[in-house]
């Protein structure tokens, strides 16, 4: 065992161990990169799904008749005042009568 060839065998064992350690490190790095890529793909898919859901909700809201809307009533009130001739040209403005119930229609035109 301790003959002249013993040193060469020891060097080979050390080389094999170094090669195995390098292979294990490379495999770990590849696994980490694959996990990061999978996480990024999952995040992108979630963002796309959220955007699609928002677009579908917007389409549904645009297609629904306004009388079914249970929101604040700004649309309805703006329509009524426009029909009476008191509203400015754009019925749905920030200064519509629903937002300023105490402001008279004549003063409201000045605000717009």
PDB file of N, CA and C in Angstrom:
ATOM      1  N   UNK A   1       0.834  -1.203   0.000  1.00  0.00           N
ATOM      2  CA  UNK A   1       0.000   0.000   0.000  1.00  0.00           C
ATOM      3  C   UNK A   1       0.879   1.268   0.000  1.00  0.00           C
ATOM      4  N   UNK A   2       1.972   1.208   0.693  1.00  0.00           N
ATOM      5  CA  UNK A   2       2.824   2.395   0.768  1.00  0.00           C
ATOM      6  C   UNK A   2       3.992   2.298  -0.195  1.00  0.00           C
ATOM      7  N   UNK A   3       3.803   1.606  -1.297  1.00  0.00           N
ATOM      8  CA  UNK A   3       4.868   1.440  -2.289  1.00  0.00           C
ATOM      9  C   UNK A   3       5.028   2.686  -3.138  1.00  0.00           C
ATOM     10  N   UNK A   4       5.833   2.580  -4.185  1.00  0.00           N
ATOM     11  CA  UNK A   4       6.108   3.757  -5.023  1.00  0.00           C
ATOM     12  C   UNK A   4       4.877   4.273  -5.778  1.00  0.00           C
ATOM     13  N   UNK A   5       3.879   3.421  -6.040  1.00  0.00           N
ATOM     14  CA  UNK A   5       2.677   3.861  -6.779  1.00  0.00           C
ATOM     15  C   UNK A   5       1.588   4.474  -5.914  1.00  0.00           C
ATOM     16  N   UNK A   6       1.830   4.542  -4.602  1.00  0.00           N
ATOM     17  CA  UNK A   6       0.789   5.012  -3.672  1.00  0.00           C
ATOM     18  C   UNK A   6       0.463   6.489  -3.866  1.00  0.00           C
ATOM     19  N   UNK A   7       1.487   7.302  -4.108  1.00  0.00           N
ATOM     20  CA  UNK A   7       1.263   8.750  -4.290  1.00  0.00           C
ATOM     21  C   UNK A   7       0.394   9.002  -5.530  1.00  0.00           C
ATOM     22  N   UNK A   8       0.630   8.290  -6.613  1.00  0.00           N
ATOM     23  CA  UNK A   8      -0.166   8.460  -7.830  1.00  0.00           C
ATOM     24  C   UNK A   8      -1.618   8.090  -7.604  1.00  0.00           C
ATOM     25  N   UNK A   9      -1.869   7.040  -6.833  1.00  0.00           N
ATOM     26  CA  UNK A   9      -3.253   6.636  -6.528  1.00  0.00           C
ATOM     27  C   UNK A   9      -3.942   7.707  -5.702  1.00  0.00           C
ATOM     28  N   UNK A  10      -3.213   8.286  -4.743  1.00  0.00           N
ATOM     29  CA  UNK A  10      -3.797   9.336  -3.902  1.00  0.00           C
ATOM     30  C   UNK A  10      -4.160  10.559  -4.745  1.00  0.00           C
ATOM     31  N   UNK A  11      -3.277  10.918  -5.681  1.00  0.00           N
ATOM     32  CA  UNK A  11      -3.551  12.060  -6.555  1.00  0.00           C
ATOM     33  C   UNK A  11      -4.799  11.795  -7.410  1.00  0.00           C
ATOM     34  N   UNK A  12      -4.936  10.559  -7.892  1.00  0.00           N
ATOM     35  CA  UNK A  12      -6.120  10.221  -8.692  1.00  0.00           C
ATOM     36  C   UNK A  12      -7.393  10.341  -7.862  1.00  0.00           C
ATOM     37  N   UNK A  13      -7.367   9.864  -6.639  1.00  0.00           N
ATOM     38  CA  UNK A  13      -8.536   9.946  -5.745  1.00  0.00           C
ATOM     39  C   UNK A  13      -8.892  11.413  -5.505  1.00  0.00           C
ATOM     40  N   UNK A  14      -7.897  12.247  -5.270  1.00  0.00           N
ATOM     41  CA  UNK A  14      -8.150  13.683  -5.032  1.00  0.00           C
ATOM     42  C   UNK A  14      -8.756  14.303  -6.295  1.00  0.00           C
ATOM     43  N   UNK A  15      -8.205  13.953  -7.476  1.00  0.00           N
ATOM     44  CA  UNK A  15      -8.765  14.479  -8.733  1.00  0.00           C
ATOM     45  C   UNK A  15     -10.219  14.050  -8.907  1.00  0.00           C
ATOM     46  N   UNK A  16     -10.506  12.785  -8.644  1.00  0.00           N
ATOM     47  CA  UNK A  16     -11.881  12.284  -8.786  1.00  0.00           C
ATOM     48  C   UNK A  16     -12.808  13.018  -7.831  1.00  0.00           C
ATOM     49  N   UNK A  17     -12.356  13.252  -6.591  1.00  0.00           N
ATOM     50  CA  UNK A  17     -13.191  13.992  -5.624  1.00  0.00           C
ATOM     51  C   UNK A  17     -13.435  15.419  -6.106  1.00  0.00           C
ATOM     52  N   UNK A  18     -12.402  16.094  -6.622  1.00  0.00           N
ATOM     53  CA  UNK A  18     -12.569  17.466  -7.127  1.00  0.00           C
ATOM     54  C   UNK A  18     -13.550  17.479  -8.299  1.00  0.00           C
ATOM     55  N   UNK A  19     -13.431  16.517  -9.205  1.00  0.00           N
ATOM     56  CA  UNK A  19     -14.341  16.453 -10.355  1.00  0.00           C
ATOM     57  C   UNK A  19     -15.774  16.220  -9.874  1.00  0.00           C
ATOM     58  N   UNK A  20     -15.964  15.324  -8.901  1.00  0.00           N
ATOM     59  CA  UNK A  20     -17.311  15.056  -8.366  1.00  0.00           C
ATOM     60  C   UNK A  20     -17.875  16.319  -7.718  1.00  0.00           C
ATOM     61  N   UNK A  21     -17.066  17.033  -6.939  1.00  0.00           N
ATOM     62  CA  UNK A  21     -17.532  18.276  -6.285  1.00  0.00           C
ATOM     63  C   UNK A  21     -17.919  19.313  -7.336  1.00  0.00           C
ATOM     64  N   UNK A  22     -17.111  19.459  -8.394  1.00  0.00           N
ATOM     65  CA  UNK A  22     -17.431  20.423  -9.459  1.00  0.00           C
ATOM     66  C   UNK A  22     -18.728  20.038 -10.153  1.00  0.00           C
ATOM     67  N   UNK A  23     -18.922  18.736 -10.424  1.00  0.00           N
ATOM     68  CA  UNK A  23     -20.166  18.279 -11.070  1.00  0.00           C
ATOM     69  C   UNK A  23     -21.362  18.562 -10.170  1.00  0.00           C
ATOM     70  N   UNK A  24     -21.236  18.302  -8.879  1.00  0.00           N
ATOM     71  CA  UNK A  24     -22.337  18.566  -7.937  1.00  0.00           C
ATOM     72  C   UNK A  24     -22.651  20.062  -7.903  1.00  0.00           C
ATOM     73  N   UNK A  25     -21.636  20.926  -7.874  1.00  0.00           N
ATOM     74  CA  UNK A  25     -21.855  22.386  -7.860  1.00  0.00           C
ATOM     75  C   UNK A  25     -22.562  22.818  -9.148  1.00  0.00           C
ATOM     76  N   UNK A  26     -22.143  22.282 -10.296  1.00  0.00           N
ATOM     77  CA  UNK A  26     -22.775  22.631 -11.570  1.00  0.00           C
ATOM     78  C   UNK A  26     -24.238  22.190 -11.574  1.00  0.00           C
ATOM     79  N   UNK A  27     -24.513  20.988 -11.060  1.00  0.00           N
ATOM     80  CA  UNK A  27     -25.903  20.489 -11.004  1.00  0.00           C
ATOM     81  C   UNK A  27     -26.744  21.385 -10.100  1.00  0.00           C
ATOM     82  N   UNK A  28     -26.202  21.784  -8.951  1.00  0.00           N
ATOM     83  CA  UNK A  28     -26.941  22.671  -8.032  1.00  0.00           C
ATOM     84  C   UNK A  28     -27.229  24.014  -8.706  1.00  0.00           C
ATOM     85  N   UNK A  29     -26.249  24.587  -9.403  1.00  0.00           N
ATOM     86  CA  UNK A  29     -26.450  25.866 -10.105  1.00  0.00           C
ATOM     87  C   UNK A  29     -27.530  25.717 -11.178  1.00  0.00           C
ATOM     88  N   UNK A  30     -27.484  24.615 -11.933  1.00  0.00           N
ATOM     89  CA  UNK A  30     -28.501  24.389 -12.974  1.00  0.00           C
ATOM     90  C   UNK A  30     -29.894  24.265 -12.349  1.00  0.00           C
ATOM     91  N   UNK A  31     -30.002  23.545 -11.228  1.00  0.00           N
ATOM     92  CA  UNK A  31     -31.303  23.396 -10.548  1.00  0.00           C
ATOM     93  C   UNK A  31     -31.805  24.751 -10.070  1.00  0.00           C
ATOM     94  N   UNK A  32     -30.915  25.577  -9.498  1.00  0.00           N
ATOM     95  CA  UNK A  32     -31.320  26.916  -9.026  1.00  0.00           C
ATOM     96  C   UNK A  32     -31.803  27.771 -10.201  1.00  0.00           C
ATOM     97  N   UNK A  33     -31.085  27.728 -11.327  1.00  0.00           N
ATOM     98  CA  UNK A  33     -31.487  28.501 -12.508  1.00  0.00           C
ATOM     99  C   UNK A  33     -32.851  28.028 -13.014  1.00  0.00           C
ATOM    100  N   UNK A  34     -33.073  26.710 -13.056  1.00  0.00           N
ATOM    101  CA  UNK A  34     -34.369  26.175 -13.507  1.00  0.00           C
ATOM    102  C   UNK A  34     -35.484  26.628 -12.569  1.00  0.00           C
ATOM    103  N   UNK A  35     -35.247  26.595 -11.256  1.00  0.00           N
ATOM    104  CA  UNK A  35     -36.264  27.035 -10.284  1.00  0.00           C
ATOM    105  C   UNK A  35     -36.577  28.520 -10.485  1.00  0.00           C
ATOM    106  N   UNK A  36     -35.558  29.353 -10.689  1.00  0.00           N
ATOM    107  CA  UNK A  36     -35.775  30.796 -10.914  1.00  0.00           C
ATOM    108  C   UNK A  36     -36.577  31.010 -12.193  1.00  0.00           C
ATOM    109  N   UNK A  37     -36.262  30.283 -13.256  1.00  0.00           N
ATOM    110  CA  UNK A  37     -37.001  30.419 -14.519  1.00  0.00           C
ATOM    111  C   UNK A  37     -38.457  30.003 -14.328  1.00  0.00           C
ATOM    112  N   UNK A  38     -38.698  28.913 -13.598  1.00  0.00           N
ATOM    113  CA  UNK A  38     -40.075  28.460 -13.339  1.00  0.00           C
ATOM    114  C   UNK A  38     -40.832  29.510 -12.542  1.00  0.00           C
ATOM    115  N   UNK A  39     -40.206  30.096 -11.523  1.00  0.00           N
ATOM    116  CA  UNK A  39     -40.869  31.139 -10.716  1.00  0.00           C
ATOM    117  C   UNK A  39     -41.199  32.342 -11.588  1.00  0.00           C
ATOM    118  N   UNK A  40     -40.270  32.768 -12.457  1.00  0.00           N
ATOM    119  CA  UNK A  40     -40.530  33.913 -13.346  1.00  0.00           C
ATOM    120  C   UNK A  40     -41.695  33.595 -14.292  1.00  0.00           C
ATOM    121  N   UNK A  41     -41.722  32.381 -14.847  1.00  0.00           N
ATOM    122  CA  UNK A  41     -42.821  31.994 -15.753  1.00  0.00           C
ATOM    123  C   UNK A  41     -44.147  32.004 -15.007  1.00  0.00           C
ATOM    124  N   UNK A  42     -44.167  31.491 -13.770  1.00  0.00           N
ATOM    125  CA  UNK A  42     -45.405  31.485 -12.972  1.00  0.00           C
ATOM    126  C   UNK A  42     -45.869  32.912 -12.704  1.00  0.00           C
ATOM    127  N   UNK A  43     -44.949  33.809 -12.362  1.00  0.00           N
ATOM    128  CA  UNK A  43     -45.314  35.217 -12.109  1.00  0.00           C
ATOM    129  C   UNK A  43     -45.873  35.849 -13.377  1.00  0.00           C
ATOM    130  N   UNK A  44     -45.254  35.603 -14.531  1.00  0.00           N
ATOM    131  CA  UNK A  44     -45.743  36.163 -15.794  1.00  0.00           C
ATOM    132  C   UNK A  44     -47.143  35.629 -16.098  1.00  0.00           C
ATOM    133  N   UNK A  45     -47.365  34.328 -15.886  1.00  0.00           N
ATOM    134  CA  UNK A  45     -48.691  33.734 -16.132  1.00  0.00           C
ATOM    135  C   UNK A  45     -49.728  34.362 -15.216  1.00  0.00           C
ATOM    136  N   UNK A  46     -49.389  34.561 -13.936  1.00  0.00           N
ATOM    137  CA  UNK A  46     -50.334  35.187 -12.991  1.00  0.00           C
ATOM    138  C   UNK A  46     -50.660  36.603 -13.437  1.00  0.00           C
ATOM    139  N   UNK A  47     -49.656  37.376 -13.868  1.00  0.00           N
ATOM    140  CA  UNK A  47     -49.898  38.748 -14.331  1.00  0.00           C
ATOM    141  C   UNK A  47     -50.808  38.738 -15.565  1.00  0.00           C
ATOM    142  N   UNK A  48     -50.552  37.822 -16.507  1.00  0.00           N
ATOM    143  CA  UNK A  48     -51.390  37.735 -17.709  1.00  0.00           C
ATOM    144  C   UNK A  48     -52.820  37.373 -17.337  1.00  0.00           C
ATOM    145  N   UNK A  49     -52.999  36.429 -16.403  1.00  0.00           N
ATOM    146  CA  UNK A  49     -54.355  36.040 -15.972  1.00  0.00           C
ATOM    147  C   UNK A  49     -55.057  37.232 -15.331  1.00  0.00           C
ATOM    148  N   UNK A  50     -54.355  37.993 -14.485  1.00  0.00           N
ATOM    149  CA  UNK A  50     -54.965  39.168 -13.845  1.00  0.00           C
ATOM    150  C   UNK A  50     -55.376  40.190 -14.901  1.00  0.00           C
ATOM    151  N   UNK A  51     -54.521  40.433 -15.894  1.00  0.00           N
ATOM    152  CA  UNK A  51     -54.847  41.394 -16.958  1.00  0.00           C
ATOM    153  C   UNK A  51     -56.072  40.913 -17.738  1.00  0.00           C
ATOM    154  N   UNK A  52     -56.124  39.613 -18.057  1.00  0.00           N
ATOM    155  CA  UNK A  52     -57.272  39.069 -18.794  1.00  0.00           C
ATOM    156  C   UNK A  52     -58.547  39.220 -17.973  1.00  0.00           C
ATOM    157  N   UNK A  53     -58.474  38.940 -16.666  1.00  0.00           N
ATOM    158  CA  UNK A  53     -59.660  39.089 -15.797  1.00  0.00           C
ATOM    159  C   UNK A  53     -60.114  40.542 -15.774  1.00  0.00           C
ATOM    160  N   UNK A  54     -59.166  41.476 -15.667  1.00  0.00           N
ATOM    161  CA  UNK A  54     -59.528  42.906 -15.652  1.00  0.00           C
ATOM    162  C   UNK A  54     -60.188  43.294 -16.975  1.00  0.00           C
ATOM    163  N   UNK A  55     -59.641  42.812 -18.103  1.00  0.00           N
ATOM    164  CA  UNK A  55     -60.228  43.129 -19.411  1.00  0.00           C
ATOM    165  C   UNK A  55     -61.641  42.545 -19.517  1.00  0.00           C
ATOM    166  N   UNK A  56     -61.820  41.312 -19.048  1.00  0.00           N
ATOM    167  CA  UNK A  56     -63.158  40.684 -19.096  1.00  0.00           C
ATOM    168  C   UNK A  56     -64.140  41.475 -18.239  1.00  0.00           C
ATOM    169  N   UNK A  57     -63.699  41.885 -17.037  1.00  0.00           N
ATOM    170  CA  UNK A  57     -64.585  42.683 -16.165  1.00  0.00           C
ATOM    171  C   UNK A  57     -64.932  44.001 -16.842  1.00  0.00           C
ATOM    172  N   UNK A  58     -63.960  44.644 -17.488  1.00  0.00           N
ATOM    173  CA  UNK A  58     -64.234  45.912 -18.176  1.00  0.00           C
ATOM    174  C   UNK A  58     -65.228  45.704 -19.315  1.00  0.00           C
ATOM    175  N   UNK A  59     -65.049  44.615 -20.090  1.00  0.00           N
ATOM    176  CA  UNK A  59     -65.971  44.335 -21.204  1.00  0.00           C
ATOM    177  C   UNK A  59     -67.377  44.090 -20.667  1.00  0.00           C
ATOM    178  N   UNK A  60     -67.470  43.299 -19.582  1.00  0.00           N
ATOM    179  CA  UNK A  60     -68.793  43.021 -18.996  1.00  0.00           C
ATOM    180  C   UNK A  60     -69.423  44.324 -18.508  1.00  0.00           C
ATOM    181  N   UNK A  61     -68.617  45.171 -17.841  1.00  0.00           N
ATOM    182  CA  UNK A  61     -69.167  46.433 -17.328  1.00  0.00           C
ATOM    183  C   UNK A  61     -69.615  47.343 -18.480  1.00  0.00           C
ATOM    184  N   UNK A  62     -68.882  47.356 -19.587  1.00  0.00           N
ATOM    185  CA  UNK A  62     -69.260  48.210 -20.709  1.00  0.00           C
ATOM    186  C   UNK A  62     -70.510  47.683 -21.406  1.00  0.00           C
ATOM    187  N   UNK A  63     -70.697  46.360 -21.427  1.00  0.00           N
ATOM    188  CA  UNK A  63     -71.849  45.797 -22.130  1.00  0.00           C
ATOM    189  C   UNK A  63     -73.122  45.849 -21.296  1.00  0.00           C
ATOM    190  N   UNK A  64     -72.993  45.952 -19.970  1.00  0.00           N
ATOM    191  CA  UNK A  64     -74.190  45.979 -19.130  1.00  0.00           C
ATOM    192  C   UNK A  64     -74.946  47.291 -19.340  1.00  0.00           C
ATOM    193  N   UNK A  65     -76.247  47.227 -19.422  1.00  0.00           N
ATOM    194  CA  UNK A  65     -77.021  48.477 -19.478  1.00  0.00           C
ATOM    195  C   UNK A  65     -76.847  49.263 -18.179  1.00  0.00           C
ATOM    196  N   UNK A  66     -76.879  50.577 -18.286  1.00  0.00           N
ATOM    197  CA  UNK A  66     -76.616  51.405 -17.115  1.00  0.00           C
ATOM    198  C   UNK A  66     -77.709  51.278 -16.051  1.00  0.00           C
ATOM    199  N   UNK A  67     -78.920  50.913 -16.442  1.00  0.00           N
ATOM    200  CA  UNK A  67     -79.983  50.825 -15.441  1.00  0.00           C
ATOM    201  C   UNK A  67     -79.738  49.655 -14.483  1.00  0.00           C
ATOM    202  N   UNK A  68     -78.950  48.657 -14.906  1.00  0.00           N
ATOM    203  CA  UNK A  68     -78.629  47.543 -14.007  1.00  0.00           C
ATOM    204  C   UNK A  68     -77.477  47.895 -13.073  1.00  0.00           C
ATOM    205  N   UNK A  69     -76.785  48.984 -13.359  1.00  0.00           N
ATOM    206  CA  UNK A  69     -75.631  49.369 -12.549  1.00  0.00           C
ATOM    207  C   UNK A  69     -76.106  49.797 -11.174  1.00  0.00           C
ATOM    208  N   UNK A  70     -75.478  49.266 -10.124  1.00  0.00           N
ATOM    209  CA  UNK A  70     -75.875  49.618  -8.758  1.00  0.00           C
ATOM    210  C   UNK A  70     -74.854  50.556  -8.132  1.00  0.00           C
ATOM    211  N   UNK A  71     -74.129  51.296  -8.961  1.00  0.00           N
ATOM    212  CA  UNK A  71     -73.081  52.179  -8.446  1.00  0.00           C
ATOM    213  C   UNK A  71     -73.682  53.463  -7.878  1.00  0.00           C
ATOM    214  N   UNK A  72     -72.936  54.550  -7.931  1.00  0.00           N
ATOM    215  CA  UNK A  72     -73.274  55.771  -7.186  1.00  0.00           C
ATOM    216  C   UNK A  72     -74.422  56.567  -7.790  1.00  0.00           C
ATOM    217  N   UNK A  73     -74.766  56.346  -9.038  1.00  0.00           N
ATOM    218  CA  UNK A  73     -75.861  57.099  -9.654  1.00  0.00           C
ATOM    219  C   UNK A  73     -75.416  58.351 -10.371  1.00  0.00           C
ATOM    220  N   UNK A  74     -74.112  58.548 -10.541  1.00  0.00           N
ATOM    221  CA  UNK A  74     -73.594  59.726 -11.238  1.00  0.00           C
ATOM    222  C   UNK A  74     -74.092  59.742 -12.679  1.00  0.00           C
ATOM    223  N   UNK A  75     -74.058  58.558 -13.312  1.00  0.00           N
ATOM    224  CA  UNK A  75     -74.465  58.478 -14.722  1.00  0.00           C
ATOM    225  C   UNK A  75     -75.921  58.911 -14.888  1.00  0.00           C
ATOM    226  N   UNK A  76     -76.765  58.345 -14.049  1.00  0.00           N
ATOM    227  CA  UNK A  76     -78.202  58.618 -14.151  1.00  0.00           C
ATOM    228  C   UNK A  76     -78.477  60.107 -13.913  1.00  0.00           C
ATOM    229  N   UNK A  77     -77.841  60.648 -12.878  1.00  0.00           N
ATOM    230  CA  UNK A  77     -78.090  62.047 -12.556  1.00  0.00           C
ATOM    231  C   UNK A  77     -77.541  62.970 -13.649  1.00  0.00           C
ATOM    232  N   UNK A  78     -76.401  62.620 -14.193  1.00  0.00           N
ATOM    233  CA  UNK A  78     -75.825  63.421 -15.274  1.00  0.00           C
ATOM    234  C   UNK A  78     -76.718  63.376 -16.508  1.00  0.00           C
ATOM    235  N   UNK A  79     -77.283  62.201 -16.794  1.00  0.00           N
ATOM    236  CA  UNK A  79     -78.200  62.083 -17.935  1.00  0.00           C
ATOM    237  C   UNK A  79     -79.443  62.953 -17.739  1.00  0.00           C
ATOM    238  N   UNK A  80     -79.986  62.885 -16.522  1.00  0.00           N
ATOM    239  CA  UNK A  80     -81.205  63.656 -16.257  1.00  0.00           C
ATOM    240  C   UNK A  80     -80.943  65.151 -16.415  1.00  0.00           C
ATOM    241  N   UNK A  81     -79.818  65.629 -15.872  1.00  0.00           N
ATOM    242  CA  UNK A  81     -79.538  67.062 -15.978  1.00  0.00           C
ATOM    243  C   UNK A  81     -79.230  67.450 -17.423  1.00  0.00           C
ATOM    244  N   UNK A  82     -78.602  66.551 -18.171  1.00  0.00           N
ATOM    245  CA  UNK A  82     -78.332  66.852 -19.571  1.00  0.00           C
ATOM    246  C   UNK A  82     -79.635  66.907 -20.356  1.00  0.00           C
ATOM    247  N   UNK A  83     -80.575  66.007 -20.025  1.00  0.00           N
ATOM    248  CA  UNK A  83     -81.874  66.008 -20.694  1.00  0.00           C
ATOM    249  C   UNK A  83     -82.630  67.310 -20.392  1.00  0.00           C
ATOM    250  N   UNK A  84     -82.435  67.847 -19.170  1.00  0.00           N
ATOM    251  CA  UNK A  84     -83.083  69.114 -18.817  1.00  0.00           C
ATOM    252  C   UNK A  84     -82.345  70.308 -19.428  1.00  0.00           C
ATOM    253  N   UNK A  85     -81.155  70.069 -19.957  1.00  0.00           N
ATOM    254  CA  UNK A  85     -80.406  71.162 -20.575  1.00  0.00           C
ATOM    255  C   UNK A  85     -79.525  71.910 -19.608  1.00  0.00           C
ATOM    256  N   UNK A  86     -79.287  71.353 -18.430  1.00  0.00           N
ATOM    257  CA  UNK A  86     -78.483  72.057 -17.427  1.00  0.00           C
ATOM    258  C   UNK A  86     -77.038  71.585 -17.387  1.00  0.00           C
ATOM    259  N   UNK A  87     -76.756  70.449 -17.992  1.00  0.00           N
ATOM    260  CA  UNK A  87     -75.420  69.884 -17.866  1.00  0.00           C
ATOM    261  C   UNK A  87     -74.502  70.436 -18.946  1.00  0.00           C
ATOM    262  N   UNK A  88     -73.217  70.444 -18.706  1.00  0.00           N
ATOM    263  CA  UNK A  88     -72.275  70.839 -19.756  1.00  0.00           C
ATOM    264  C   UNK A  88     -72.249  69.798 -20.879  1.00  0.00           C
ATOM    265  N   UNK A  89     -71.500  70.066 -21.918  1.00  0.00           N
ATOM    266  CA  UNK A  89     -71.522  69.198 -23.095  1.00  0.00           C
ATOM    267  C   UNK A  89     -71.092  67.773 -22.748  1.00  0.00           C
ATOM    268  N   UNK A  90     -70.036  67.594 -21.923  1.00  0.00           N
ATOM    269  CA  UNK A  90     -69.663  66.258 -21.488  1.00  0.00           C
ATOM    270  C   UNK A  90     -70.453  65.898 -20.255  1.00  0.00           C
ATOM    271  N   UNK A  91     -71.389  64.950 -20.377  1.00  0.00           N
ATOM    272  CA  UNK A  91     -72.293  64.659 -19.263  1.00  0.00           C
ATOM    273  C   UNK A  91     -71.549  64.083 -18.069  1.00  0.00           C
ATOM    274  N   UNK A  92     -70.551  63.251 -18.319  1.00  0.00           N
ATOM    275  CA  UNK A  92     -69.857  62.598 -17.214  1.00  0.00           C
ATOM    276  C   UNK A  92     -68.548  63.324 -16.926  1.00  0.00           C
ATOM    277  N   UNK A  93     -68.633  64.498 -16.341  1.00  0.00           N
ATOM    278  CA  UNK A  93     -67.438  65.224 -15.937  1.00  0.00           C
ATOM    279  C   UNK A  93     -67.328  65.163 -14.422  1.00  0.00           C
ATOM    280  N   UNK A  94     -66.175  65.586 -13.919  1.00  0.00           N
ATOM    281  CA  UNK A  94     -65.996  65.609 -12.464  1.00  0.00           C
ATOM    282  C   UNK A  94     -66.927  66.631 -11.829  1.00  0.00           C
ATOM    283  N   UNK A  95     -67.374  67.597 -12.625  1.00  0.00           N
ATOM    284  CA  UNK A  95     -68.249  68.639 -12.094  1.00  0.00           C
ATOM    285  C   UNK A  95     -69.727  68.349 -12.375  1.00  0.00           C
ATOM    286  N   UNK A  96     -70.061  67.095 -12.601  1.00  0.00           N
ATOM    287  CA  UNK A  96     -71.469  66.786 -12.863  1.00  0.00           C
ATOM    288  C   UNK A  96     -72.286  67.020 -11.589  1.00  0.00           C
ATOM    289  N   UNK A  97     -73.588  67.268 -11.720  1.00  0.00           N
ATOM    290  CA  UNK A  97     -74.421  67.627 -10.564  1.00  0.00           C
ATOM    291  C   UNK A  97     -74.365  66.609  -9.426  1.00  0.00           C
ATOM    292  N   UNK A  98     -74.057  65.347  -9.729  1.00  0.00           N
ATOM    293  CA  UNK A  98     -73.993  64.353  -8.662  1.00  0.00           C
ATOM    294  C   UNK A  98     -72.838  64.658  -7.712  1.00  0.00           C
ATOM    295  N   UNK A  99     -71.766  65.241  -8.245  1.00  0.00           N
ATOM    296  CA  UNK A  99     -70.630  65.560  -7.399  1.00  0.00           C
ATOM    297  C   UNK A  99     -70.838  66.882  -6.658  1.00  0.00           C
ATOM    298  N   UNK A 100     -71.601  67.798  -7.247  1.00  0.00           N
ATOM    299  CA  UNK A 100     -71.859  69.092  -6.628  1.00  0.00           C
ATOM    300  C   UNK A 100     -73.373  69.294  -6.511  1.00  0.00           C
ATOM    301  N   UNK A 101     -74.021  68.604  -5.597  1.00  0.00           N
ATOM    302  CA  UNK A 101     -75.481  68.735  -5.523  1.00  0.00           C
ATOM    303  C   UNK A 101     -75.945  70.124  -5.071  1.00  0.00           C
ATOM    304  N   UNK A 102     -75.080  70.862  -4.372  1.00  0.00           N
ATOM    305  CA  UNK A 102     -75.499  72.169  -3.865  1.00  0.00           C
ATOM    306  C   UNK A 102     -75.238  73.290  -4.861  1.00  0.00           C
ATOM    307  N   UNK A 103     -74.429  73.038  -5.894  1.00  0.00           N
ATOM    308  CA  UNK A 103     -74.093  74.083  -6.858  1.00  0.00           C
ATOM    309  C   UNK A 103     -75.222  74.211  -7.874  1.00  0.00           C
ATOM    310  N   UNK A 104     -75.622  75.415  -8.118  1.00  0.00           N
ATOM    311  CA  UNK A 104     -76.684  75.652  -9.102  1.00  0.00           C
ATOM    312  C   UNK A 104     -76.148  75.367 -10.500  1.00  0.00           C
ATOM    313  N   UNK A 105     -77.020  74.958 -11.441  1.00  0.00           N
ATOM    314  CA  UNK A 105     -76.564  74.630 -12.801  1.00  0.00           C
ATOM    315  C   UNK A 105     -75.824  75.770 -13.480  1.00  0.00           C
ATOM    316  N   UNK A 106     -76.240  77.014 -13.263  1.00  0.00           N
ATOM    317  CA  UNK A 106     -75.582  78.146 -13.910  1.00  0.00           C
ATOM    318  C   UNK A 106     -74.156  78.307 -13.383  1.00  0.00           C
ATOM    319  N   UNK A 107     -73.974  78.115 -12.073  1.00  0.00           N
ATOM    320  CA  UNK A 107     -72.628  78.214 -11.493  1.00  0.00           C
ATOM    321  C   UNK A 107     -71.757  77.045 -11.942  1.00  0.00           C
ATOM    322  N   UNK A 108     -72.413  75.905 -12.154  1.00  0.00           N
ATOM    323  CA  UNK A 108     -71.672  74.707 -12.525  1.00  0.00           C
ATOM    324  C   UNK A 108     -70.997  74.866 -13.887  1.00  0.00           C
ATOM    325  N   UNK A 109     -71.640  75.541 -14.821  1.00  0.00           N
ATOM    326  CA  UNK A 109     -71.040  75.775 -16.137  1.00  0.00           C
ATOM    327  C   UNK A 109     -69.740  76.562 -15.991  1.00  0.00           C
ATOM    328  N   UNK A 110     -69.720  77.492 -15.051  1.00  0.00           N
ATOM    329  CA  UNK A 110     -68.526  78.299 -14.830  1.00  0.00           C
ATOM    330  C   UNK A 110     -67.393  77.415 -14.308  1.00  0.00           C
ATOM    331  N   UNK A 111     -67.733  76.442 -13.430  1.00  0.00           N
ATOM    332  CA  UNK A 111     -66.714  75.555 -12.862  1.00  0.00           C
ATOM    333  C   UNK A 111     -66.064  74.682 -13.927  1.00  0.00           C
ATOM    334  N   UNK A 112     -66.841  74.288 -14.921  1.00  0.00           N
ATOM    335  CA  UNK A 112     -66.300  73.418 -15.974  1.00  0.00           C
ATOM    336  C   UNK A 112     -65.384  74.245 -16.837  1.00  0.00           C
TER     337      UNK A 112
END
